[in-house]
Amino acid sequence: MRYFYDSEFIEDGTVIDLVSIAVVCEDGREFYAVSTEFDPEKAGPFVRRNVLPKLPPPSSPLWRSRQRIRDDLYKFLVPRPGVEPELWAWVGAYDHVTLCQLWGSMVDLPNALPRYTNELRQHWEQHGRPPLPPVPKDAHDALADARHNLAKFEAIEAHRLRRQPATSTGSSATPRFQRATDDR
């Protein structure tokens, strides 16, 4: 099952500290949480200007401890046995680190979760840089960005499938959302 995600974080070149994380599933489910454990005083100008003002009020139930985010996120990503999450993010290296750090080190990540995130930006480049949906007005809100990542993936896949030759029956040669890692 494909999941498109984004995180907002504070980083200083040494530490990457989760502010918020959002995940949108291809089945329509959404997850969003804000960490109660980051220090807003350590935020740089960009995060202060573009991220912190978009967070819900601290009284919101969306604010959770990292442990609660971890537990709730796992239940979201693996809602039943046999689900194999496929993670996607746009320039997602730091996003993957913030996700893994919810469990500690990467080796502590549960076996049901992938050890990598598929790179949506690279997928876009590999398929001819097709036009993408416009950046949302609420960009740098993790949920808005996760939704935008799904929209970008859908635009890339639509472009990719239009470029593939049709079979003799006139249908596309591959399913609508074939795993992007299977580049035939």
N, C-alpha and C. Protein backbone atom coordinates (compact mmCIF):
# COMPACT_ATOMS: atom_id res chain seq x y z
N MET A 1 0.85 -1.17 0.00
CA MET A 1 0.00 0.00 0.00
C MET A 1 0.90 1.24 0.00
N ARG A 2 0.60 2.19 -0.86
CA ARG A 2 1.42 3.40 -0.98
C ARG A 2 1.00 4.45 0.04
N TYR A 3 2.02 5.06 0.63
CA TYR A 3 1.84 6.15 1.58
C TYR A 3 2.72 7.32 1.15
N PHE A 4 2.14 8.50 1.13
CA PHE A 4 2.85 9.71 0.74
C PHE A 4 2.95 10.57 1.99
N TYR A 5 4.17 10.98 2.32
CA TYR A 5 4.31 11.68 3.59
C TYR A 5 5.23 12.87 3.50
N ASP A 6 5.17 13.66 4.57
CA ASP A 6 6.02 14.83 4.71
C ASP A 6 6.19 15.06 6.20
N SER A 7 7.33 15.60 6.55
CA SER A 7 7.53 16.01 7.94
C SER A 7 8.09 17.42 7.94
N GLU A 8 7.83 18.09 9.01
CA GLU A 8 8.46 19.38 9.27
C GLU A 8 9.38 19.14 10.45
N PHE A 9 10.53 19.79 10.44
CA PHE A 9 11.52 19.50 11.47
C PHE A 9 12.43 20.70 11.66
N ILE A 10 13.13 20.67 12.77
CA ILE A 10 14.15 21.65 13.08
C ILE A 10 15.48 20.92 12.96
N GLU A 11 16.39 21.48 12.21
CA GLU A 11 17.71 20.83 12.07
C GLU A 11 18.80 21.88 12.12
N ASP A 12 19.91 21.45 12.69
CA ASP A 12 21.03 22.37 12.86
C ASP A 12 22.32 21.83 12.25
N GLY A 13 22.22 20.83 11.41
CA GLY A 13 23.41 20.22 10.82
C GLY A 13 23.87 19.01 11.61
N THR A 14 23.37 18.85 12.81
CA THR A 14 23.72 17.70 13.65
C THR A 14 22.47 16.94 14.08
N VAL A 15 21.46 17.66 14.50
CA VAL A 15 20.22 17.07 15.02
C VAL A 15 19.07 17.40 14.08
N ILE A 16 18.22 16.41 13.84
CA ILE A 16 16.97 16.61 13.09
C ILE A 16 15.85 16.32 14.08
N ASP A 17 15.10 17.35 14.46
CA ASP A 17 14.08 17.22 15.50
C ASP A 17 12.69 17.37 14.89
N LEU A 18 11.88 16.33 15.01
CA LEU A 18 10.54 16.31 14.43
C LEU A 18 9.66 17.40 15.03
N VAL A 19 9.01 18.16 14.15
CA VAL A 19 7.97 19.11 14.56
C VAL A 19 6.61 18.46 14.28
N SER A 20 6.39 18.05 13.03
CA SER A 20 5.12 17.42 12.66
C SER A 20 5.35 16.42 11.54
N ILE A 21 4.41 15.49 11.43
CA ILE A 21 4.48 14.49 10.38
C ILE A 21 3.07 14.20 9.89
N ALA A 22 2.93 14.03 8.59
CA ALA A 22 1.64 13.71 7.99
C ALA A 22 1.84 12.65 6.93
N VAL A 23 0.86 11.77 6.83
CA VAL A 23 0.90 10.68 5.85
C VAL A 23 -0.47 10.58 5.21
N VAL A 24 -0.48 10.46 3.89
CA VAL A 24 -1.72 10.27 3.14
C VAL A 24 -1.59 8.93 2.42
N CYS A 25 -2.57 8.08 2.62
CA CYS A 25 -2.56 6.76 1.98
C CYS A 25 -3.32 6.81 0.67
N GLU A 26 -2.93 5.97 -0.26
CA GLU A 26 -3.64 5.91 -1.54
C GLU A 26 -5.09 5.47 -1.36
N ASP A 27 -5.45 4.89 -0.21
CA ASP A 27 -6.84 4.49 0.02
C ASP A 27 -7.69 5.62 0.62
N GLY A 28 -7.09 6.82 0.78
CA GLY A 28 -7.83 7.98 1.26
C GLY A 28 -7.65 8.30 2.74
N ARG A 29 -7.08 7.39 3.51
CA ARG A 29 -6.86 7.67 4.93
C ARG A 29 -5.74 8.70 5.09
N GLU A 30 -5.81 9.47 6.20
CA GLU A 30 -4.79 10.48 6.49
C GLU A 30 -4.38 10.41 7.95
N PHE A 31 -3.12 10.74 8.19
CA PHE A 31 -2.57 10.79 9.54
C PHE A 31 -1.83 12.11 9.68
N TYR A 32 -2.01 12.78 10.82
CA TYR A 32 -1.28 14.02 11.08
C TYR A 32 -1.04 14.13 12.58
N ALA A 33 0.16 14.49 12.95
CA ALA A 33 0.49 14.68 14.36
C ALA A 33 1.59 15.72 14.50
N VAL A 34 1.56 16.41 15.64
CA VAL A 34 2.58 17.40 15.99
C VAL A 34 3.25 16.92 17.27
N SER A 35 4.56 16.97 17.30
CA SER A 35 5.31 16.53 18.47
C SER A 35 5.23 17.54 19.60
N THR A 36 5.02 17.05 20.81
CA THR A 36 5.07 17.90 22.00
C THR A 36 6.50 18.08 22.49
N GLU A 37 7.46 17.44 21.83
CA GLU A 37 8.82 17.38 22.37
C GLU A 37 9.85 18.25 21.65
N PHE A 38 9.47 18.96 20.61
CA PHE A 38 10.45 19.82 19.95
C PHE A 38 10.54 21.15 20.70
N ASP A 39 11.68 21.82 20.54
CA ASP A 39 11.90 23.11 21.19
C ASP A 39 11.78 24.21 20.13
N PRO A 40 10.68 24.98 20.14
CA PRO A 40 10.51 26.02 19.12
C PRO A 40 11.59 27.10 19.18
N GLU A 41 12.24 27.24 20.32
CA GLU A 41 13.32 28.23 20.44
C GLU A 41 14.51 27.87 19.57
N LYS A 42 14.64 26.60 19.20
CA LYS A 42 15.76 26.16 18.36
C LYS A 42 15.45 26.27 16.87
N ALA A 43 14.24 26.67 16.54
CA ALA A 43 13.85 26.79 15.13
C ALA A 43 14.58 27.95 14.47
N GLY A 44 15.02 27.71 13.25
CA GLY A 44 15.64 28.77 12.47
C GLY A 44 14.58 29.68 11.86
N PRO A 45 15.02 30.72 11.17
CA PRO A 45 14.08 31.69 10.59
C PRO A 45 13.05 31.07 9.65
N PHE A 46 13.47 30.12 8.81
CA PHE A 46 12.54 29.52 7.86
C PHE A 46 11.41 28.79 8.58
N VAL A 47 11.75 27.97 9.56
CA VAL A 47 10.73 27.21 10.30
C VAL A 47 9.86 28.16 11.11
N ARG A 48 10.44 29.18 11.70
CA ARG A 48 9.65 30.16 12.47
C ARG A 48 8.64 30.88 11.57
N ARG A 49 9.06 31.18 10.37
CA ARG A 49 8.21 31.95 9.45
C ARG A 49 7.19 31.06 8.72
N ASN A 50 7.59 29.85 8.32
CA ASN A 50 6.76 29.04 7.42
C ASN A 50 6.09 27.82 8.03
N VAL A 51 6.58 27.34 9.16
CA VAL A 51 6.05 26.10 9.74
C VAL A 51 5.28 26.35 11.03
N LEU A 52 5.92 26.97 12.00
CA LEU A 52 5.30 27.12 13.32
C LEU A 52 3.95 27.83 13.28
N PRO A 53 3.77 28.88 12.47
CA PRO A 53 2.46 29.55 12.46
C PRO A 53 1.32 28.67 11.92
N LYS A 54 1.66 27.60 11.20
CA LYS A 54 0.63 26.74 10.60
C LYS A 54 0.23 25.57 11.50
N LEU A 55 0.90 25.42 12.63
CA LEU A 55 0.57 24.32 13.53
C LEU A 55 -0.75 24.59 14.23
N PRO A 56 -1.48 23.53 14.56
CA PRO A 56 -2.71 23.73 15.33
C PRO A 56 -2.36 24.23 16.74
N PRO A 57 -3.33 24.77 17.46
CA PRO A 57 -3.04 25.25 18.81
C PRO A 57 -2.56 24.09 19.70
N PRO A 58 -1.67 24.37 20.65
CA PRO A 58 -1.15 23.31 21.52
C PRO A 58 -2.22 22.52 22.28
N SER A 59 -3.40 23.07 22.42
CA SER A 59 -4.49 22.35 23.09
C SER A 59 -5.12 21.27 22.20
N SER A 60 -4.77 21.25 20.92
CA SER A 60 -5.34 20.28 19.98
C SER A 60 -4.86 18.87 20.31
N PRO A 61 -5.72 17.88 20.14
CA PRO A 61 -5.30 16.49 20.35
C PRO A 61 -4.29 16.00 19.30
N LEU A 62 -4.04 16.83 18.27
CA LEU A 62 -3.03 16.47 17.28
C LEU A 62 -1.62 16.56 17.85
N TRP A 63 -1.45 17.29 18.95
CA TRP A 63 -0.16 17.37 19.63
C TRP A 63 -0.01 16.10 20.47
N ARG A 64 1.09 15.38 20.25
CA ARG A 64 1.29 14.09 20.91
C ARG A 64 2.76 13.90 21.25
N SER A 65 3.03 13.05 22.20
CA SER A 65 4.41 12.68 22.50
C SER A 65 4.96 11.89 21.31
N ARG A 66 6.27 11.85 21.21
CA ARG A 66 6.89 11.07 20.13
C ARG A 66 6.49 9.60 20.23
N GLN A 67 6.40 9.08 21.46
CA GLN A 67 6.00 7.68 21.63
C GLN A 67 4.59 7.45 21.12
N ARG A 68 3.69 8.36 21.42
CA ARG A 68 2.31 8.21 20.95
C ARG A 68 2.24 8.36 19.43
N ILE A 69 3.00 9.32 18.88
CA ILE A 69 3.05 9.46 17.41
C ILE A 69 3.53 8.14 16.80
N ARG A 70 4.59 7.59 17.36
CA ARG A 70 5.15 6.34 16.85
C ARG A 70 4.10 5.22 16.87
N ASP A 71 3.43 5.05 17.99
CA ASP A 71 2.45 3.97 18.11
C ASP A 71 1.26 4.18 17.17
N ASP A 72 0.75 5.42 17.12
CA ASP A 72 -0.39 5.72 16.25
C ASP A 72 -0.01 5.60 14.78
N LEU A 73 1.20 6.04 14.44
CA LEU A 73 1.66 5.97 13.05
C LEU A 73 1.82 4.52 12.60
N TYR A 74 2.35 3.69 13.47
CA TYR A 74 2.51 2.28 13.11
C TYR A 74 1.14 1.65 12.81
N LYS A 75 0.16 1.93 13.66
CA LYS A 75 -1.19 1.39 13.43
C LYS A 75 -1.77 1.92 12.11
N PHE A 76 -1.43 3.15 11.77
CA PHE A 76 -1.90 3.72 10.51
C PHE A 76 -1.23 3.05 9.31
N LEU A 77 0.09 2.87 9.38
CA LEU A 77 0.85 2.31 8.26
C LEU A 77 0.61 0.82 8.07
N VAL A 78 0.35 0.12 9.16
CA VAL A 78 0.11 -1.33 9.10
C VAL A 78 -1.23 -1.60 9.78
N PRO A 79 -2.34 -1.27 9.10
CA PRO A 79 -3.65 -1.38 9.73
C PRO A 79 -4.11 -2.82 9.95
N ARG A 80 -3.47 -3.76 9.27
CA ARG A 80 -3.81 -5.17 9.43
C ARG A 80 -2.61 -5.99 8.96
N PRO A 81 -2.51 -7.24 9.43
CA PRO A 81 -1.38 -8.09 9.00
C PRO A 81 -1.34 -8.23 7.49
N GLY A 82 -0.14 -8.27 6.97
CA GLY A 82 0.04 -8.46 5.54
C GLY A 82 0.18 -7.18 4.74
N VAL A 83 -0.16 -6.04 5.33
CA VAL A 83 0.00 -4.77 4.62
C VAL A 83 1.50 -4.46 4.56
N GLU A 84 1.98 -4.18 3.36
CA GLU A 84 3.39 -3.82 3.16
C GLU A 84 3.45 -2.36 2.75
N PRO A 85 3.80 -1.48 3.69
CA PRO A 85 3.84 -0.05 3.36
C PRO A 85 4.93 0.26 2.33
N GLU A 86 4.57 1.12 1.39
CA GLU A 86 5.52 1.66 0.41
C GLU A 86 5.52 3.16 0.64
N LEU A 87 6.63 3.69 1.12
CA LEU A 87 6.73 5.09 1.50
C LEU A 87 7.25 5.94 0.34
N TRP A 88 6.63 7.12 0.17
CA TRP A 88 7.02 8.07 -0.86
C TRP A 88 7.11 9.47 -0.25
N ALA A 89 8.16 10.20 -0.61
CA ALA A 89 8.30 11.60 -0.18
C ALA A 89 9.07 12.37 -1.24
N TRP A 90 8.90 13.68 -1.25
CA TRP A 90 9.58 14.57 -2.19
C TRP A 90 10.85 15.05 -1.51
N VAL A 91 12.00 14.71 -2.07
CA VAL A 91 13.30 15.01 -1.46
C VAL A 91 13.23 14.55 0.00
N GLY A 92 13.04 13.24 0.17
CA GLY A 92 12.64 12.68 1.45
C GLY A 92 13.71 12.15 2.37
N ALA A 93 14.98 12.47 2.16
CA ALA A 93 16.02 11.91 3.02
C ALA A 93 15.80 12.28 4.49
N TYR A 94 15.61 13.55 4.78
CA TYR A 94 15.40 13.97 6.17
C TYR A 94 14.06 13.48 6.69
N ASP A 95 13.05 13.42 5.82
CA ASP A 95 11.76 12.89 6.24
C ASP A 95 11.91 11.45 6.73
N HIS A 96 12.70 10.66 6.01
CA HIS A 96 12.90 9.27 6.41
C HIS A 96 13.62 9.19 7.75
N VAL A 97 14.58 10.05 7.96
CA VAL A 97 15.29 10.07 9.24
C VAL A 97 14.33 10.43 10.37
N THR A 98 13.49 11.45 10.18
CA THR A 98 12.56 11.83 11.25
C THR A 98 11.59 10.68 11.55
N LEU A 99 11.17 9.97 10.53
CA LEU A 99 10.29 8.83 10.74
C LEU A 99 11.01 7.73 11.51
N CYS A 100 12.19 7.36 11.08
CA CYS A 100 12.95 6.29 11.75
C CYS A 100 13.26 6.65 13.20
N GLN A 101 13.58 7.90 13.45
CA GLN A 101 13.95 8.31 14.80
C GLN A 101 12.81 8.19 15.80
N LEU A 102 11.58 8.07 15.33
CA LEU A 102 10.47 7.82 16.25
C LEU A 102 10.66 6.50 16.99
N TRP A 103 11.38 5.56 16.37
CA TRP A 103 11.65 4.27 16.99
C TRP A 103 13.04 4.22 17.62
N GLY A 104 13.84 5.22 17.45
CA GLY A 104 15.22 5.21 17.93
C GLY A 104 16.13 5.24 16.72
N SER A 105 17.02 4.28 16.65
CA SER A 105 17.90 4.20 15.48
C SER A 105 17.18 3.42 14.38
N MET A 106 17.73 3.46 13.17
CA MET A 106 17.08 2.79 12.05
C MET A 106 16.95 1.29 12.30
N VAL A 107 17.88 0.69 13.01
CA VAL A 107 17.79 -0.75 13.27
C VAL A 107 16.62 -1.08 14.20
N ASP A 108 16.09 -0.09 14.91
CA ASP A 108 14.95 -0.31 15.80
C ASP A 108 13.61 -0.21 15.07
N LEU A 109 13.65 0.18 13.81
CA LEU A 109 12.42 0.29 13.01
C LEU A 109 11.76 -1.09 12.93
N PRO A 110 10.45 -1.19 13.14
CA PRO A 110 9.79 -2.50 13.06
C PRO A 110 10.00 -3.15 11.69
N ASN A 111 10.07 -4.47 11.68
CA ASN A 111 10.31 -5.21 10.44
C ASN A 111 9.26 -4.94 9.37
N ALA A 112 8.05 -4.60 9.76
CA ALA A 112 6.98 -4.36 8.79
C ALA A 112 7.15 -3.06 8.02
N LEU A 113 8.06 -2.19 8.48
CA LEU A 113 8.26 -0.90 7.81
C LEU A 113 9.51 -0.94 6.94
N PRO A 114 9.45 -0.29 5.77
CA PRO A 114 10.61 -0.29 4.87
C PRO A 114 11.77 0.52 5.42
N ARG A 115 12.96 0.14 5.04
CA ARG A 115 14.18 0.82 5.48
C ARG A 115 14.55 1.97 4.55
N TYR A 116 13.67 2.31 3.64
CA TYR A 116 13.93 3.41 2.70
C TYR A 116 12.61 4.06 2.33
N THR A 117 12.72 5.25 1.79
CA THR A 117 11.58 5.97 1.25
C THR A 117 11.81 6.15 -0.24
N ASN A 118 10.83 5.84 -1.04
CA ASN A 118 10.92 6.08 -2.48
C ASN A 118 10.99 7.58 -2.72
N GLU A 119 11.86 7.97 -3.63
CA GLU A 119 12.09 9.40 -3.90
C GLU A 119 11.18 9.89 -5.02
N LEU A 120 10.20 10.66 -4.64
CA LEU A 120 9.22 11.18 -5.59
C LEU A 120 9.86 12.16 -6.58
N ARG A 121 10.79 12.96 -6.13
CA ARG A 121 11.46 13.91 -7.03
C ARG A 121 12.22 13.15 -8.12
N GLN A 122 12.89 12.08 -7.75
CA GLN A 122 13.63 11.28 -8.72
C GLN A 122 12.66 10.60 -9.69
N HIS A 123 11.54 10.12 -9.18
CA HIS A 123 10.51 9.50 -10.03
C HIS A 123 10.04 10.51 -11.08
N TRP A 124 9.85 11.75 -10.66
CA TRP A 124 9.43 12.83 -11.57
C TRP A 124 10.49 13.05 -12.65
N GLU A 125 11.76 13.14 -12.24
CA GLU A 125 12.86 13.35 -13.20
C GLU A 125 12.94 12.19 -14.19
N GLN A 126 12.83 10.96 -13.69
CA GLN A 126 12.97 9.77 -14.55
C GLN A 126 11.84 9.65 -15.58
N HIS A 127 10.74 10.30 -15.32
CA HIS A 127 9.60 10.19 -16.23
C HIS A 127 9.32 11.49 -16.97
N GLY A 128 10.38 12.25 -17.23
CA GLY A 128 10.30 13.39 -18.12
C GLY A 128 9.86 14.71 -17.52
N ARG A 129 9.85 14.81 -16.21
CA ARG A 129 9.48 16.07 -15.53
C ARG A 129 8.15 16.62 -16.02
N PRO A 130 7.09 15.81 -15.96
CA PRO A 130 5.78 16.30 -16.42
C PRO A 130 5.27 17.42 -15.52
N PRO A 131 4.32 18.21 -16.02
CA PRO A 131 3.74 19.27 -15.19
C PRO A 131 3.15 18.69 -13.90
N LEU A 132 3.35 19.42 -12.82
CA LEU A 132 2.85 18.99 -11.51
C LEU A 132 1.77 19.94 -11.02
N PRO A 133 0.93 19.48 -10.12
CA PRO A 133 -0.06 20.38 -9.53
C PRO A 133 0.64 21.55 -8.85
N PRO A 134 0.02 22.71 -8.81
CA PRO A 134 0.66 23.86 -8.17
C PRO A 134 0.88 23.62 -6.68
N VAL A 135 1.91 24.26 -6.16
CA VAL A 135 2.20 24.17 -4.72
C VAL A 135 1.02 24.76 -3.96
N PRO A 136 0.53 24.06 -2.94
CA PRO A 136 -0.62 24.59 -2.21
C PRO A 136 -0.28 25.86 -1.43
N LYS A 137 -1.30 26.69 -1.20
CA LYS A 137 -1.09 27.94 -0.46
C LYS A 137 -0.61 27.66 0.96
N ASP A 138 -0.98 26.51 1.52
CA ASP A 138 -0.57 26.18 2.88
C ASP A 138 0.66 25.25 2.89
N ALA A 139 1.54 25.41 1.91
CA ALA A 139 2.78 24.62 1.86
C ALA A 139 3.55 24.80 3.16
N HIS A 140 4.27 23.78 3.54
CA HIS A 140 5.04 23.69 4.78
C HIS A 140 4.16 23.38 5.98
N ASP A 141 2.91 23.05 5.71
CA ASP A 141 2.06 22.35 6.67
C ASP A 141 2.21 20.90 6.24
N ALA A 142 2.64 20.02 7.14
CA ALA A 142 2.97 18.65 6.74
C ALA A 142 1.82 17.95 6.04
N LEU A 143 0.59 18.17 6.50
CA LEU A 143 -0.54 17.49 5.87
C LEU A 143 -0.79 18.03 4.46
N ALA A 144 -0.70 19.33 4.27
CA ALA A 144 -0.85 19.90 2.93
C ALA A 144 0.23 19.36 2.00
N ASP A 145 1.45 19.25 2.50
CA ASP A 145 2.55 18.76 1.67
C ASP A 145 2.40 17.27 1.37
N ALA A 146 1.92 16.48 2.33
CA ALA A 146 1.70 15.05 2.07
C ALA A 146 0.61 14.87 1.01
N ARG A 147 -0.45 15.65 1.12
CA ARG A 147 -1.51 15.59 0.09
C ARG A 147 -0.96 16.00 -1.28
N HIS A 148 -0.11 17.01 -1.28
CA HIS A 148 0.49 17.46 -2.53
C HIS A 148 1.40 16.37 -3.10
N ASN A 149 2.10 15.64 -2.25
CA ASN A 149 2.94 14.54 -2.73
C ASN A 149 2.10 13.48 -3.44
N LEU A 150 0.95 13.14 -2.88
CA LEU A 150 0.07 12.19 -3.56
C LEU A 150 -0.39 12.75 -4.91
N ALA A 151 -0.76 14.01 -4.94
CA ALA A 151 -1.20 14.64 -6.20
C ALA A 151 -0.07 14.64 -7.23
N LYS A 152 1.16 14.89 -6.78
CA LYS A 152 2.30 14.85 -7.70
C LYS A 152 2.50 13.44 -8.25
N PHE A 153 2.43 12.44 -7.38
CA PHE A 153 2.58 11.06 -7.82
C PHE A 153 1.52 10.72 -8.87
N GLU A 154 0.28 11.10 -8.62
CA GLU A 154 -0.79 10.81 -9.57
C GLU A 154 -0.54 11.50 -10.91
N ALA A 155 -0.02 12.72 -10.89
CA ALA A 155 0.29 13.44 -12.14
C ALA A 155 1.42 12.75 -12.89
N ILE A 156 2.44 12.31 -12.18
CA ILE A 156 3.57 11.62 -12.81
C ILE A 156 3.10 10.31 -13.42
N GLU A 157 2.31 9.55 -12.65
CA GLU A 157 1.83 8.26 -13.15
C GLU A 157 0.92 8.43 -14.36
N ALA A 158 0.05 9.42 -14.33
CA ALA A 158 -0.83 9.67 -15.49
C ALA A 158 0.01 9.97 -16.72
N HIS A 159 1.04 10.79 -16.56
CA HIS A 159 1.95 11.12 -17.67
C HIS A 159 2.68 9.87 -18.15
N ARG A 160 3.20 9.10 -17.22
CA ARG A 160 3.96 7.89 -17.55
C ARG A 160 3.08 6.91 -18.32
N LEU A 161 1.86 6.72 -17.87
CA LEU A 161 0.98 5.75 -18.52
C LEU A 161 0.51 6.22 -19.89
N ARG A 162 0.35 7.53 -20.08
CA ARG A 162 -0.02 8.06 -21.40
C ARG A 162 1.10 7.83 -22.41
N ARG A 163 2.32 7.82 -21.94
CA ARG A 163 3.47 7.66 -22.84
C ARG A 163 3.72 6.21 -23.22
N GLN A 164 3.15 5.25 -22.49
CA GLN A 164 3.36 3.84 -22.80
C GLN A 164 2.49 3.44 -23.97
N PRO A 165 3.02 2.59 -24.86
CA PRO A 165 2.20 2.13 -25.98
C PRO A 165 1.05 1.26 -25.49
N ALA A 166 -0.09 1.37 -26.16
CA ALA A 166 -1.26 0.56 -25.81
C ALA A 166 -1.08 -0.85 -26.34
N THR A 167 -1.74 -1.80 -25.70
CA THR A 167 -1.72 -3.19 -26.19
C THR A 167 -2.69 -3.29 -27.36
N SER A 168 -2.77 -4.46 -27.94
CA SER A 168 -3.65 -4.65 -29.10
C SER A 168 -5.13 -4.43 -28.75
N THR A 169 -5.49 -4.55 -27.48
CA THR A 169 -6.89 -4.31 -27.08
C THR A 169 -7.14 -2.84 -26.81
N GLY A 170 -6.08 -2.05 -26.90
CA GLY A 170 -6.24 -0.61 -26.69
C GLY A 170 -6.10 -0.19 -25.25
N SER A 171 -5.83 -1.11 -24.36
CA SER A 171 -5.68 -0.73 -22.95
C SER A 171 -4.22 -0.49 -22.63
N SER A 172 -3.97 0.15 -21.54
CA SER A 172 -2.61 0.42 -21.11
C SER A 172 -1.91 -0.91 -20.84
N ALA A 173 -0.62 -0.95 -21.08
CA ALA A 173 0.14 -2.18 -20.90
C ALA A 173 0.38 -2.51 -19.44
N THR A 174 0.18 -1.57 -18.54
CA THR A 174 0.41 -1.81 -17.12
C THR A 174 -0.74 -1.27 -16.31
N PRO A 175 -0.91 -1.78 -15.08
CA PRO A 175 -1.97 -1.25 -14.23
C PRO A 175 -1.74 0.23 -13.93
N ARG A 176 -2.82 0.92 -13.53
CA ARG A 176 -2.77 2.36 -13.29
C ARG A 176 -1.65 2.74 -12.33
N PHE A 177 -1.52 2.01 -11.24
CA PHE A 177 -0.51 2.36 -10.24
C PHE A 177 0.45 1.20 -10.02
N GLN A 178 1.07 0.75 -11.09
CA GLN A 178 2.09 -0.29 -10.97
C GLN A 178 3.20 0.24 -10.08
N ARG A 179 3.80 -0.61 -9.30
CA ARG A 179 4.90 -0.17 -8.45
C ARG A 179 5.93 0.57 -9.28
N ALA A 180 6.25 1.77 -8.84
CA ALA A 180 7.18 2.61 -9.59
C ALA A 180 8.58 2.01 -9.61
N THR A 181 8.88 1.11 -8.70
CA THR A 181 10.21 0.51 -8.68
C THR A 181 10.37 -0.50 -9.81
N ASP A 182 9.28 -0.84 -10.48
CA ASP A 182 9.31 -1.78 -11.59
C ASP A 182 9.31 -0.99 -12.90
N ASP A 183 10.46 -0.41 -13.23
CA ASP A 183 10.57 0.42 -14.43
C ASP A 183 10.92 -0.45 -15.63
N ARG A 184 9.93 -0.87 -16.35
CA ARG A 184 10.16 -1.73 -17.52
C ARG A 184 10.60 -0.92 -18.70
